[in-house]
């Protein structure tokens, strides 16, 4: 009777396939994370712009409607910011 020999090639191919799948999954997750981080940065910029605008409005001639709109916009951005933090 011949001695039984099992080729490790199949195991190696499975290992390579699993590694490739893991690399693809990591790449997709990293892409999603980068996209969400970009959204978060855009929200930060938008919030800073609204805060600057609110600061200018409160110093200059008082336009209560615009001041209230700007304040409301900041609150909305803060809410979106919290949601985006959860996404990241």
PDB file of N, CA and C in Angstrom:
ATOM      1  N   UNK A   1       0.839  -1.176   0.000  1.00  0.00           N
ATOM      2  CA  UNK A   1       0.000   0.000   0.000  1.00  0.00           C
ATOM      3  C   UNK A   1       0.887   1.244   0.000  1.00  0.00           C
ATOM      4  N   UNK A   2       0.495   2.194  -0.856  1.00  0.00           N
ATOM      5  CA  UNK A   2       1.257   3.432  -0.939  1.00  0.00           C
ATOM      6  C   UNK A   2       0.989   4.304   0.273  1.00  0.00           C
ATOM      7  N   UNK A   3       1.998   5.097   0.615  1.00  0.00           N
ATOM      8  CA  UNK A   3       1.853   6.020   1.735  1.00  0.00           C
ATOM      9  C   UNK A   3       0.960   7.184   1.302  1.00  0.00           C
ATOM     10  N   UNK A   4       0.021   7.563   2.178  1.00  0.00           N
ATOM     11  CA  UNK A   4      -0.921   8.646   1.861  1.00  0.00           C
ATOM     12  C   UNK A   4      -0.213   9.988   1.984  1.00  0.00           C
ATOM     13  N   UNK A   5      -0.281  10.807   0.921  1.00  0.00           N
ATOM     14  CA  UNK A   5       0.295  12.159   0.937  1.00  0.00           C
ATOM     15  C   UNK A   5      -0.781  13.127   0.489  1.00  0.00           C
ATOM     16  N   UNK A   6      -0.962  14.161   1.307  1.00  0.00           N
ATOM     17  CA  UNK A   6      -1.987  15.162   0.987  1.00  0.00           C
ATOM     18  C   UNK A   6      -1.293  16.435   0.536  1.00  0.00           C
ATOM     19  N   UNK A   7      -1.692  16.924  -0.593  1.00  0.00           N
ATOM     20  CA  UNK A   7      -1.099  18.151  -1.115  1.00  0.00           C
ATOM     21  C   UNK A   7      -1.619  19.346  -0.326  1.00  0.00           C
ATOM     22  N   UNK A   8      -0.734  20.202   0.095  1.00  0.00           N
ATOM     23  CA  UNK A   8      -1.103  21.396   0.857  1.00  0.00           C
ATOM     24  C   UNK A   8      -1.543  22.537  -0.067  1.00  0.00           C
ATOM     25  N   UNK A   9      -1.499  22.271  -1.347  1.00  0.00           N
ATOM     26  CA  UNK A   9      -1.853  23.321  -2.310  1.00  0.00           C
ATOM     27  C   UNK A   9      -3.291  23.803  -2.121  1.00  0.00           C
ATOM     28  N   UNK A  10      -4.215  22.910  -1.880  1.00  0.00           N
ATOM     29  CA  UNK A  10      -5.615  23.302  -1.678  1.00  0.00           C
ATOM     30  C   UNK A  10      -5.770  24.195  -0.460  1.00  0.00           C
ATOM     31  N   UNK A  11      -5.091  23.834   0.620  1.00  0.00           N
ATOM     32  CA  UNK A  11      -5.160  24.647   1.836  1.00  0.00           C
ATOM     33  C   UNK A  11      -4.560  26.022   1.581  1.00  0.00           C
ATOM     34  N   UNK A  12      -3.460  26.052   0.858  1.00  0.00           N
ATOM     35  CA  UNK A  12      -2.822  27.330   0.533  1.00  0.00           C
ATOM     36  C   UNK A  12      -3.749  28.200  -0.310  1.00  0.00           C
ATOM     37  N   UNK A  13      -4.426  27.604  -1.282  1.00  0.00           N
ATOM     38  CA  UNK A  13      -5.352  28.364  -2.126  1.00  0.00           C
ATOM     39  C   UNK A  13      -6.519  28.921  -1.303  1.00  0.00           C
ATOM     40  N   UNK A  14      -7.020  28.138  -0.372  1.00  0.00           N
ATOM     41  CA  UNK A  14      -8.107  28.609   0.495  1.00  0.00           C
ATOM     42  C   UNK A  14      -7.620  29.766   1.360  1.00  0.00           C
ATOM     43  N   UNK A  15      -6.414  29.620   1.888  1.00  0.00           N
ATOM     44  CA  UNK A  15      -5.844  30.684   2.725  1.00  0.00           C
ATOM     45  C   UNK A  15      -5.676  31.970   1.918  1.00  0.00           C
ATOM     46  N   UNK A  16      -5.182  31.868   0.718  1.00  0.00           N
ATOM     47  CA  UNK A  16      -5.008  33.045  -0.143  1.00  0.00           C
ATOM     48  C   UNK A  16      -6.362  33.677  -0.447  1.00  0.00           C
ATOM     49  N   UNK A  17      -7.356  32.851  -0.730  1.00  0.00           N
ATOM     50  CA  UNK A  17      -8.698  33.362  -1.024  1.00  0.00           C
ATOM     51  C   UNK A  17      -9.272  34.098   0.185  1.00  0.00           C
ATOM     52  N   UNK A  18      -9.115  33.547   1.381  1.00  0.00           N
ATOM     53  CA  UNK A  18      -9.602  34.199   2.596  1.00  0.00           C
ATOM     54  C   UNK A  18      -8.878  35.522   2.849  1.00  0.00           C
ATOM     55  N   UNK A  19      -7.575  35.538   2.603  1.00  0.00           N
ATOM     56  CA  UNK A  19      -6.816  36.776   2.766  1.00  0.00           C
ATOM     57  C   UNK A  19      -7.291  37.840   1.782  1.00  0.00           C
ATOM     58  N   UNK A  20      -7.533  37.439   0.553  1.00  0.00           N
ATOM     59  CA  UNK A  20      -8.027  38.389  -0.450  1.00  0.00           C
ATOM     60  C   UNK A  20      -9.392  38.946  -0.054  1.00  0.00           C
ATOM     61  N   UNK A  21     -10.262  38.079   0.447  1.00  0.00           N
ATOM     62  CA  UNK A  21     -11.578  38.533   0.893  1.00  0.00           C
ATOM     63  C   UNK A  21     -11.449  39.509   2.058  1.00  0.00           C
ATOM     64  N   UNK A  22     -10.533  39.227   2.970  1.00  0.00           N
ATOM     65  CA  UNK A  22     -10.319  40.118   4.114  1.00  0.00           C
ATOM     66  C   UNK A  22      -9.782  41.468   3.647  1.00  0.00           C
ATOM     67  N   UNK A  23      -8.888  41.449   2.668  1.00  0.00           N
ATOM     68  CA  UNK A  23      -8.345  42.703   2.132  1.00  0.00           C
ATOM     69  C   UNK A  23      -9.446  43.533   1.471  1.00  0.00           C
ATOM     70  N   UNK A  24     -10.302  42.878   0.727  1.00  0.00           N
ATOM     71  CA  UNK A  24     -11.408  43.581   0.062  1.00  0.00           C
ATOM     72  C   UNK A  24     -12.359  44.165   1.100  1.00  0.00           C
ATOM     73  N   UNK A  25     -12.687  43.388   2.119  1.00  0.00           N
ATOM     74  CA  UNK A  25     -13.586  43.874   3.172  1.00  0.00           C
ATOM     75  C   UNK A  25     -12.966  45.067   3.893  1.00  0.00           C
ATOM     76  N   UNK A  26     -11.672  44.993   4.173  1.00  0.00           N
ATOM     77  CA  UNK A  26     -10.988  46.109   4.835  1.00  0.00           C
ATOM     78  C   UNK A  26     -11.005  47.346   3.945  1.00  0.00           C
ATOM     79  N   UNK A  27     -10.745  47.152   2.670  1.00  0.00           N
ATOM     80  CA  UNK A  27     -10.735  48.274   1.733  1.00  0.00           C
ATOM     81  C   UNK A  27     -12.100  48.952   1.674  1.00  0.00           C
ATOM     82  N   UNK A  28     -13.153  48.162   1.619  1.00  0.00           N
ATOM     83  CA  UNK A  28     -14.508  48.725   1.579  1.00  0.00           C
ATOM     84  C   UNK A  28     -14.834  49.463   2.874  1.00  0.00           C
ATOM     85  N   UNK A  29     -14.454  48.887   4.002  1.00  0.00           N
ATOM     86  CA  UNK A  29     -14.715  49.537   5.292  1.00  0.00           C
ATOM     87  C   UNK A  29     -13.925  50.832   5.405  1.00  0.00           C
ATOM     88  N   UNK A  30     -12.694  50.816   4.941  1.00  0.00           N
ATOM     89  CA  UNK A  30     -11.854  52.017   4.995  1.00  0.00           C
ATOM     90  C   UNK A  30     -12.433  53.107   4.099  1.00  0.00           C
ATOM     91  N   UNK A  31     -12.939  52.734   2.942  1.00  0.00           N
ATOM     92  CA  UNK A  31     -13.556  53.699   2.032  1.00  0.00           C
ATOM     93  C   UNK A  31     -14.785  54.332   2.673  1.00  0.00           C
ATOM     94  N   UNK A  32     -15.621  53.502   3.308  1.00  0.00           N
ATOM     95  CA  UNK A  32     -16.803  54.039   3.996  1.00  0.00           C
ATOM     96  C   UNK A  32     -16.397  54.975   5.128  1.00  0.00           C
ATOM     97  N   UNK A  33     -15.371  54.591   5.887  1.00  0.00           N
ATOM     98  CA  UNK A  33     -14.905  55.431   6.990  1.00  0.00           C
ATOM     99  C   UNK A  33     -14.398  56.768   6.472  1.00  0.00           C
ATOM    100  N   UNK A  34     -13.626  56.748   5.410  1.00  0.00           N
ATOM    101  CA  UNK A  34     -13.103  57.986   4.830  1.00  0.00           C
ATOM    102  C   UNK A  34     -14.243  58.880   4.364  1.00  0.00           C
ATOM    103  N   UNK A  35     -15.245  58.293   3.730  1.00  0.00           N
ATOM    104  CA  UNK A  35     -16.400  59.058   3.259  1.00  0.00           C
ATOM    105  C   UNK A  35     -17.132  59.707   4.438  1.00  0.00           C
ATOM    106  N   UNK A  36     -17.333  58.951   5.510  1.00  0.00           N
ATOM    107  CA  UNK A  36     -18.028  59.480   6.683  1.00  0.00           C
ATOM    108  C   UNK A  36     -17.192  60.559   7.376  1.00  0.00           C
ATOM    109  N   UNK A  37     -15.882  60.385   7.394  1.00  0.00           N
ATOM    110  CA  UNK A  37     -15.010  61.409   7.978  1.00  0.00           C
ATOM    111  C   UNK A  37     -15.054  62.695   7.162  1.00  0.00           C
ATOM    112  N   UNK A  38     -15.156  62.578   5.848  1.00  0.00           N
ATOM    113  CA  UNK A  38     -15.275  63.762   5.002  1.00  0.00           C
ATOM    114  C   UNK A  38     -16.588  64.486   5.267  1.00  0.00           C
ATOM    115  N   UNK A  39     -17.669  63.724   5.454  1.00  0.00           N
ATOM    116  CA  UNK A  39     -18.952  64.344   5.786  1.00  0.00           C
ATOM    117  C   UNK A  39     -18.856  65.076   7.117  1.00  0.00           C
ATOM    118  N   UNK A  40     -18.183  64.461   8.079  1.00  0.00           N
ATOM    119  CA  UNK A  40     -18.015  65.068   9.397  1.00  0.00           C
ATOM    120  C   UNK A  40     -17.223  66.366   9.289  1.00  0.00           C
ATOM    121  N   UNK A  41     -16.176  66.361   8.507  1.00  0.00           N
ATOM    122  CA  UNK A  41     -15.375  67.579   8.325  1.00  0.00           C
ATOM    123  C   UNK A  41     -16.188  68.671   7.639  1.00  0.00           C
ATOM    124  N   UNK A  42     -17.017  68.301   6.674  1.00  0.00           N
ATOM    125  CA  UNK A  42     -17.880  69.286   6.010  1.00  0.00           C
ATOM    126  C   UNK A  42     -18.859  69.895   7.006  1.00  0.00           C
ATOM    127  N   UNK A  43     -19.393  69.073   7.911  1.00  0.00           N
ATOM    128  CA  UNK A  43     -20.299  69.595   8.938  1.00  0.00           C
ATOM    129  C   UNK A  43     -19.567  70.542   9.884  1.00  0.00           C
ATOM    130  N   UNK A  44     -18.333  70.206  10.233  1.00  0.00           N
ATOM    131  CA  UNK A  44     -17.541  71.099  11.099  1.00  0.00           C
ATOM    132  C   UNK A  44     -17.328  72.452  10.425  1.00  0.00           C
ATOM    133  N   UNK A  45     -16.991  72.418   9.155  1.00  0.00           N
ATOM    134  CA  UNK A  45     -16.770  73.657   8.411  1.00  0.00           C
ATOM    135  C   UNK A  45     -18.048  74.474   8.334  1.00  0.00           C
ATOM    136  N   UNK A  46     -19.148  73.816   8.037  1.00  0.00           N
ATOM    137  CA  UNK A  46     -20.431  74.507   7.933  1.00  0.00           C
ATOM    138  C   UNK A  46     -20.820  75.120   9.279  1.00  0.00           C
ATOM    139  N   UNK A  47     -20.591  74.394  10.351  1.00  0.00           N
ATOM    140  CA  UNK A  47     -20.903  74.909  11.688  1.00  0.00           C
ATOM    141  C   UNK A  47     -20.049  76.138  11.992  1.00  0.00           C
ATOM    142  N   UNK A  48     -18.763  76.069  11.681  1.00  0.00           N
ATOM    143  CA  UNK A  48     -17.873  77.207  11.917  1.00  0.00           C
ATOM    144  C   UNK A  48     -18.326  78.423  11.115  1.00  0.00           C
ATOM    145  N   UNK A  49     -18.762  78.202   9.879  1.00  0.00           N
ATOM    146  CA  UNK A  49     -19.249  79.309   9.052  1.00  0.00           C
ATOM    147  C   UNK A  49     -20.492  79.949   9.662  1.00  0.00           C
ATOM    148  N   UNK A  50     -21.424  79.117  10.127  1.00  0.00           N
ATOM    149  CA  UNK A  50     -22.627  79.656  10.764  1.00  0.00           C
ATOM    150  C   UNK A  50     -22.290  80.407  12.049  1.00  0.00           C
ATOM    151  N   UNK A  51     -21.341  79.888  12.816  1.00  0.00           N
ATOM    152  CA  UNK A  51     -20.954  80.572  14.051  1.00  0.00           C
ATOM    153  C   UNK A  51     -20.324  81.931  13.744  1.00  0.00           C
ATOM    154  N   UNK A  52     -19.479  81.977  12.715  1.00  0.00           N
ATOM    155  CA  UNK A  52     -18.886  83.255  12.308  1.00  0.00           C
ATOM    156  C   UNK A  52     -19.966  84.233  11.860  1.00  0.00           C
ATOM    157  N   UNK A  53     -20.896  83.730  11.077  1.00  0.00           N
ATOM    158  CA  UNK A  53     -21.985  84.582  10.594  1.00  0.00           C
ATOM    159  C   UNK A  53     -22.814  85.099  11.764  1.00  0.00           C
ATOM    160  N   UNK A  54     -23.092  84.232  12.728  1.00  0.00           N
ATOM    161  CA  UNK A  54     -23.854  84.640  13.905  1.00  0.00           C
ATOM    162  C   UNK A  54     -23.095  85.697  14.699  1.00  0.00           C
ATOM    163  N   UNK A  55     -21.795  85.531  14.831  1.00  0.00           N
ATOM    164  CA  UNK A  55     -20.967  86.500  15.541  1.00  0.00           C
ATOM    165  C   UNK A  55     -21.025  87.862  14.849  1.00  0.00           C
ATOM    166  N   UNK A  56     -20.921  87.862  13.529  1.00  0.00           N
ATOM    167  CA  UNK A  56     -20.982  89.113  12.764  1.00  0.00           C
ATOM    168  C   UNK A  56     -22.361  89.745  12.902  1.00  0.00           C
ATOM    169  N   UNK A  57     -23.398  88.930  12.825  1.00  0.00           N
ATOM    170  CA  UNK A  57     -24.762  89.458  12.924  1.00  0.00           C
ATOM    171  C   UNK A  57     -25.038  90.078  14.289  1.00  0.00           C
ATOM    172  N   UNK A  58     -24.523  89.489  15.336  1.00  0.00           N
ATOM    173  CA  UNK A  58     -24.783  90.038  16.668  1.00  0.00           C
ATOM    174  C   UNK A  58     -24.002  91.315  16.912  1.00  0.00           C
ATOM    175  N   UNK A  59     -22.874  91.485  16.236  1.00  0.00           N
ATOM    176  CA  UNK A  59     -22.083  92.706  16.398  1.00  0.00           C
ATOM    177  C   UNK A  59     -22.674  93.840  15.573  1.00  0.00           C
ATOM    178  N   UNK A  60     -23.108  93.538  14.364  1.00  0.00           N
ATOM    179  CA  UNK A  60     -23.630  94.570  13.465  1.00  0.00           C
ATOM    180  C   UNK A  60     -25.088  94.883  13.801  1.00  0.00           C
ATOM    181  N   UNK A  61     -25.744  95.543  12.884  1.00  0.00           N
ATOM    182  CA  UNK A  61     -27.157  95.902  13.045  1.00  0.00           C
ATOM    183  C   UNK A  61     -27.974  94.655  13.381  1.00  0.00           C
ATOM    184  N   UNK A  62     -28.788  94.752  14.396  1.00  0.00           N
ATOM    185  CA  UNK A  62     -29.544  93.592  14.856  1.00  0.00           C
ATOM    186  C   UNK A  62     -30.683  93.254  13.894  1.00  0.00           C
ATOM    187  N   UNK A  63     -30.573  92.124  13.273  1.00  0.00           N
ATOM    188  CA  UNK A  63     -31.628  91.574  12.421  1.00  0.00           C
ATOM    189  C   UNK A  63     -32.055  90.266  13.082  1.00  0.00           C
ATOM    190  N   UNK A  64     -33.063  90.364  13.918  1.00  0.00           N
ATOM    191  CA  UNK A  64     -33.446  89.243  14.769  1.00  0.00           C
ATOM    192  C   UNK A  64     -33.850  87.998  13.975  1.00  0.00           C
ATOM    193  N   UNK A  65     -34.495  88.187  12.842  1.00  0.00           N
ATOM    194  CA  UNK A  65     -34.919  87.035  12.042  1.00  0.00           C
ATOM    195  C   UNK A  65     -33.695  86.264  11.554  1.00  0.00           C
ATOM    196  N   UNK A  66     -32.733  86.981  11.017  1.00  0.00           N
ATOM    197  CA  UNK A  66     -31.540  86.322  10.491  1.00  0.00           C
ATOM    198  C   UNK A  66     -30.711  85.709  11.621  1.00  0.00           C
ATOM    199  N   UNK A  67     -30.652  86.397  12.767  1.00  0.00           N
ATOM    200  CA  UNK A  67     -29.926  85.854  13.917  1.00  0.00           C
ATOM    201  C   UNK A  67     -30.578  84.552  14.372  1.00  0.00           C
ATOM    202  N   UNK A  68     -31.901  84.535  14.439  1.00  0.00           N
ATOM    203  CA  UNK A  68     -32.612  83.323  14.858  1.00  0.00           C
ATOM    204  C   UNK A  68     -32.389  82.195  13.845  1.00  0.00           C
ATOM    205  N   UNK A  69     -32.440  82.519  12.549  1.00  0.00           N
ATOM    206  CA  UNK A  69     -32.226  81.500  11.521  1.00  0.00           C
ATOM    207  C   UNK A  69     -30.824  80.913  11.639  1.00  0.00           C
ATOM    208  N   UNK A  70     -29.865  81.784  11.877  1.00  0.00           N
ATOM    209  CA  UNK A  70     -28.483  81.323  11.991  1.00  0.00           C
ATOM    210  C   UNK A  70     -28.322  80.446  13.239  1.00  0.00           C
ATOM    211  N   UNK A  71     -28.927  80.859  14.336  1.00  0.00           N
ATOM    212  CA  UNK A  71     -28.876  80.053  15.556  1.00  0.00           C
ATOM    213  C   UNK A  71     -29.537  78.698  15.366  1.00  0.00           C
ATOM    214  N   UNK A  72     -30.673  78.687  14.686  1.00  0.00           N
ATOM    215  CA  UNK A  72     -31.357  77.421  14.397  1.00  0.00           C
ATOM    216  C   UNK A  72     -30.505  76.528  13.497  1.00  0.00           C
ATOM    217  N   UNK A  73     -29.853  77.147  12.516  1.00  0.00           N
ATOM    218  CA  UNK A  73     -28.994  76.378  11.609  1.00  0.00           C
ATOM    219  C   UNK A  73     -27.849  75.734  12.387  1.00  0.00           C
ATOM    220  N   UNK A  74     -27.298  76.455  13.358  1.00  0.00           N
ATOM    221  CA  UNK A  74     -26.216  75.896  14.170  1.00  0.00           C
ATOM    222  C   UNK A  74     -26.723  74.694  14.968  1.00  0.00           C
ATOM    223  N   UNK A  75     -27.912  74.794  15.520  1.00  0.00           N
ATOM    224  CA  UNK A  75     -28.478  73.676  16.279  1.00  0.00           C
ATOM    225  C   UNK A  75     -28.703  72.462  15.380  1.00  0.00           C
ATOM    226  N   UNK A  76     -29.161  72.702  14.157  1.00  0.00           N
ATOM    227  CA  UNK A  76     -29.361  71.601  13.208  1.00  0.00           C
ATOM    228  C   UNK A  76     -28.026  70.948  12.875  1.00  0.00           C
ATOM    229  N   UNK A  77     -26.999  71.767  12.655  1.00  0.00           N
ATOM    230  CA  UNK A  77     -25.667  71.241  12.350  1.00  0.00           C
ATOM    231  C   UNK A  77     -25.145  70.429  13.537  1.00  0.00           C
ATOM    232  N   UNK A  78     -25.371  70.912  14.752  1.00  0.00           N
ATOM    233  CA  UNK A  78     -24.938  70.155  15.938  1.00  0.00           C
ATOM    234  C   UNK A  78     -25.611  68.787  15.968  1.00  0.00           C
ATOM    235  N   UNK A  79     -26.896  68.744  15.635  1.00  0.00           N
ATOM    236  CA  UNK A  79     -27.625  67.477  15.604  1.00  0.00           C
ATOM    237  C   UNK A  79     -27.036  66.546  14.535  1.00  0.00           C
ATOM    238  N   UNK A  80     -26.808  67.080  13.332  1.00  0.00           N
ATOM    239  CA  UNK A  80     -26.220  66.280  12.257  1.00  0.00           C
ATOM    240  C   UNK A  80     -24.825  65.807  12.644  1.00  0.00           C
ATOM    241  N   UNK A  81     -24.106  66.676  13.355  1.00  0.00           N
ATOM    242  CA  UNK A  81     -22.760  66.365  13.809  1.00  0.00           C
ATOM    243  C   UNK A  81     -22.790  65.145  14.738  1.00  0.00           C
ATOM    244  N   UNK A  82     -23.734  65.121  15.674  1.00  0.00           N
ATOM    245  CA  UNK A  82     -23.851  63.987  16.594  1.00  0.00           C
ATOM    246  C   UNK A  82     -24.177  62.705  15.838  1.00  0.00           C
ATOM    247  N   UNK A  83     -25.067  62.798  14.875  1.00  0.00           N
ATOM    248  CA  UNK A  83     -25.423  61.621  14.077  1.00  0.00           C
ATOM    249  C   UNK A  83     -24.210  61.130  13.289  1.00  0.00           C
ATOM    250  N   UNK A  84     -23.451  62.073  12.731  1.00  0.00           N
ATOM    251  CA  UNK A  84     -22.282  61.706  11.939  1.00  0.00           C
ATOM    252  C   UNK A  84     -21.205  61.065  12.810  1.00  0.00           C
ATOM    253  N   UNK A  85     -21.059  61.546  14.042  1.00  0.00           N
ATOM    254  CA  UNK A  85     -20.093  60.944  14.966  1.00  0.00           C
ATOM    255  C   UNK A  85     -20.450  59.473  15.188  1.00  0.00           C
ATOM    256  N   UNK A  86     -21.740  59.194  15.310  1.00  0.00           N
ATOM    257  CA  UNK A  86     -22.180  57.812  15.496  1.00  0.00           C
ATOM    258  C   UNK A  86     -21.836  56.982  14.255  1.00  0.00           C
ATOM    259  N   UNK A  87     -21.976  57.573  13.062  1.00  0.00           N
ATOM    260  CA  UNK A  87     -21.669  56.864  11.820  1.00  0.00           C
ATOM    261  C   UNK A  87     -20.191  56.519  11.719  1.00  0.00           C
ATOM    262  N   UNK A  88     -19.355  57.430  12.207  1.00  0.00           N
ATOM    263  CA  UNK A  88     -17.906  57.197  12.141  1.00  0.00           C
ATOM    264  C   UNK A  88     -17.548  56.188  13.194  1.00  0.00           C
TER     265      UNK A  88
END
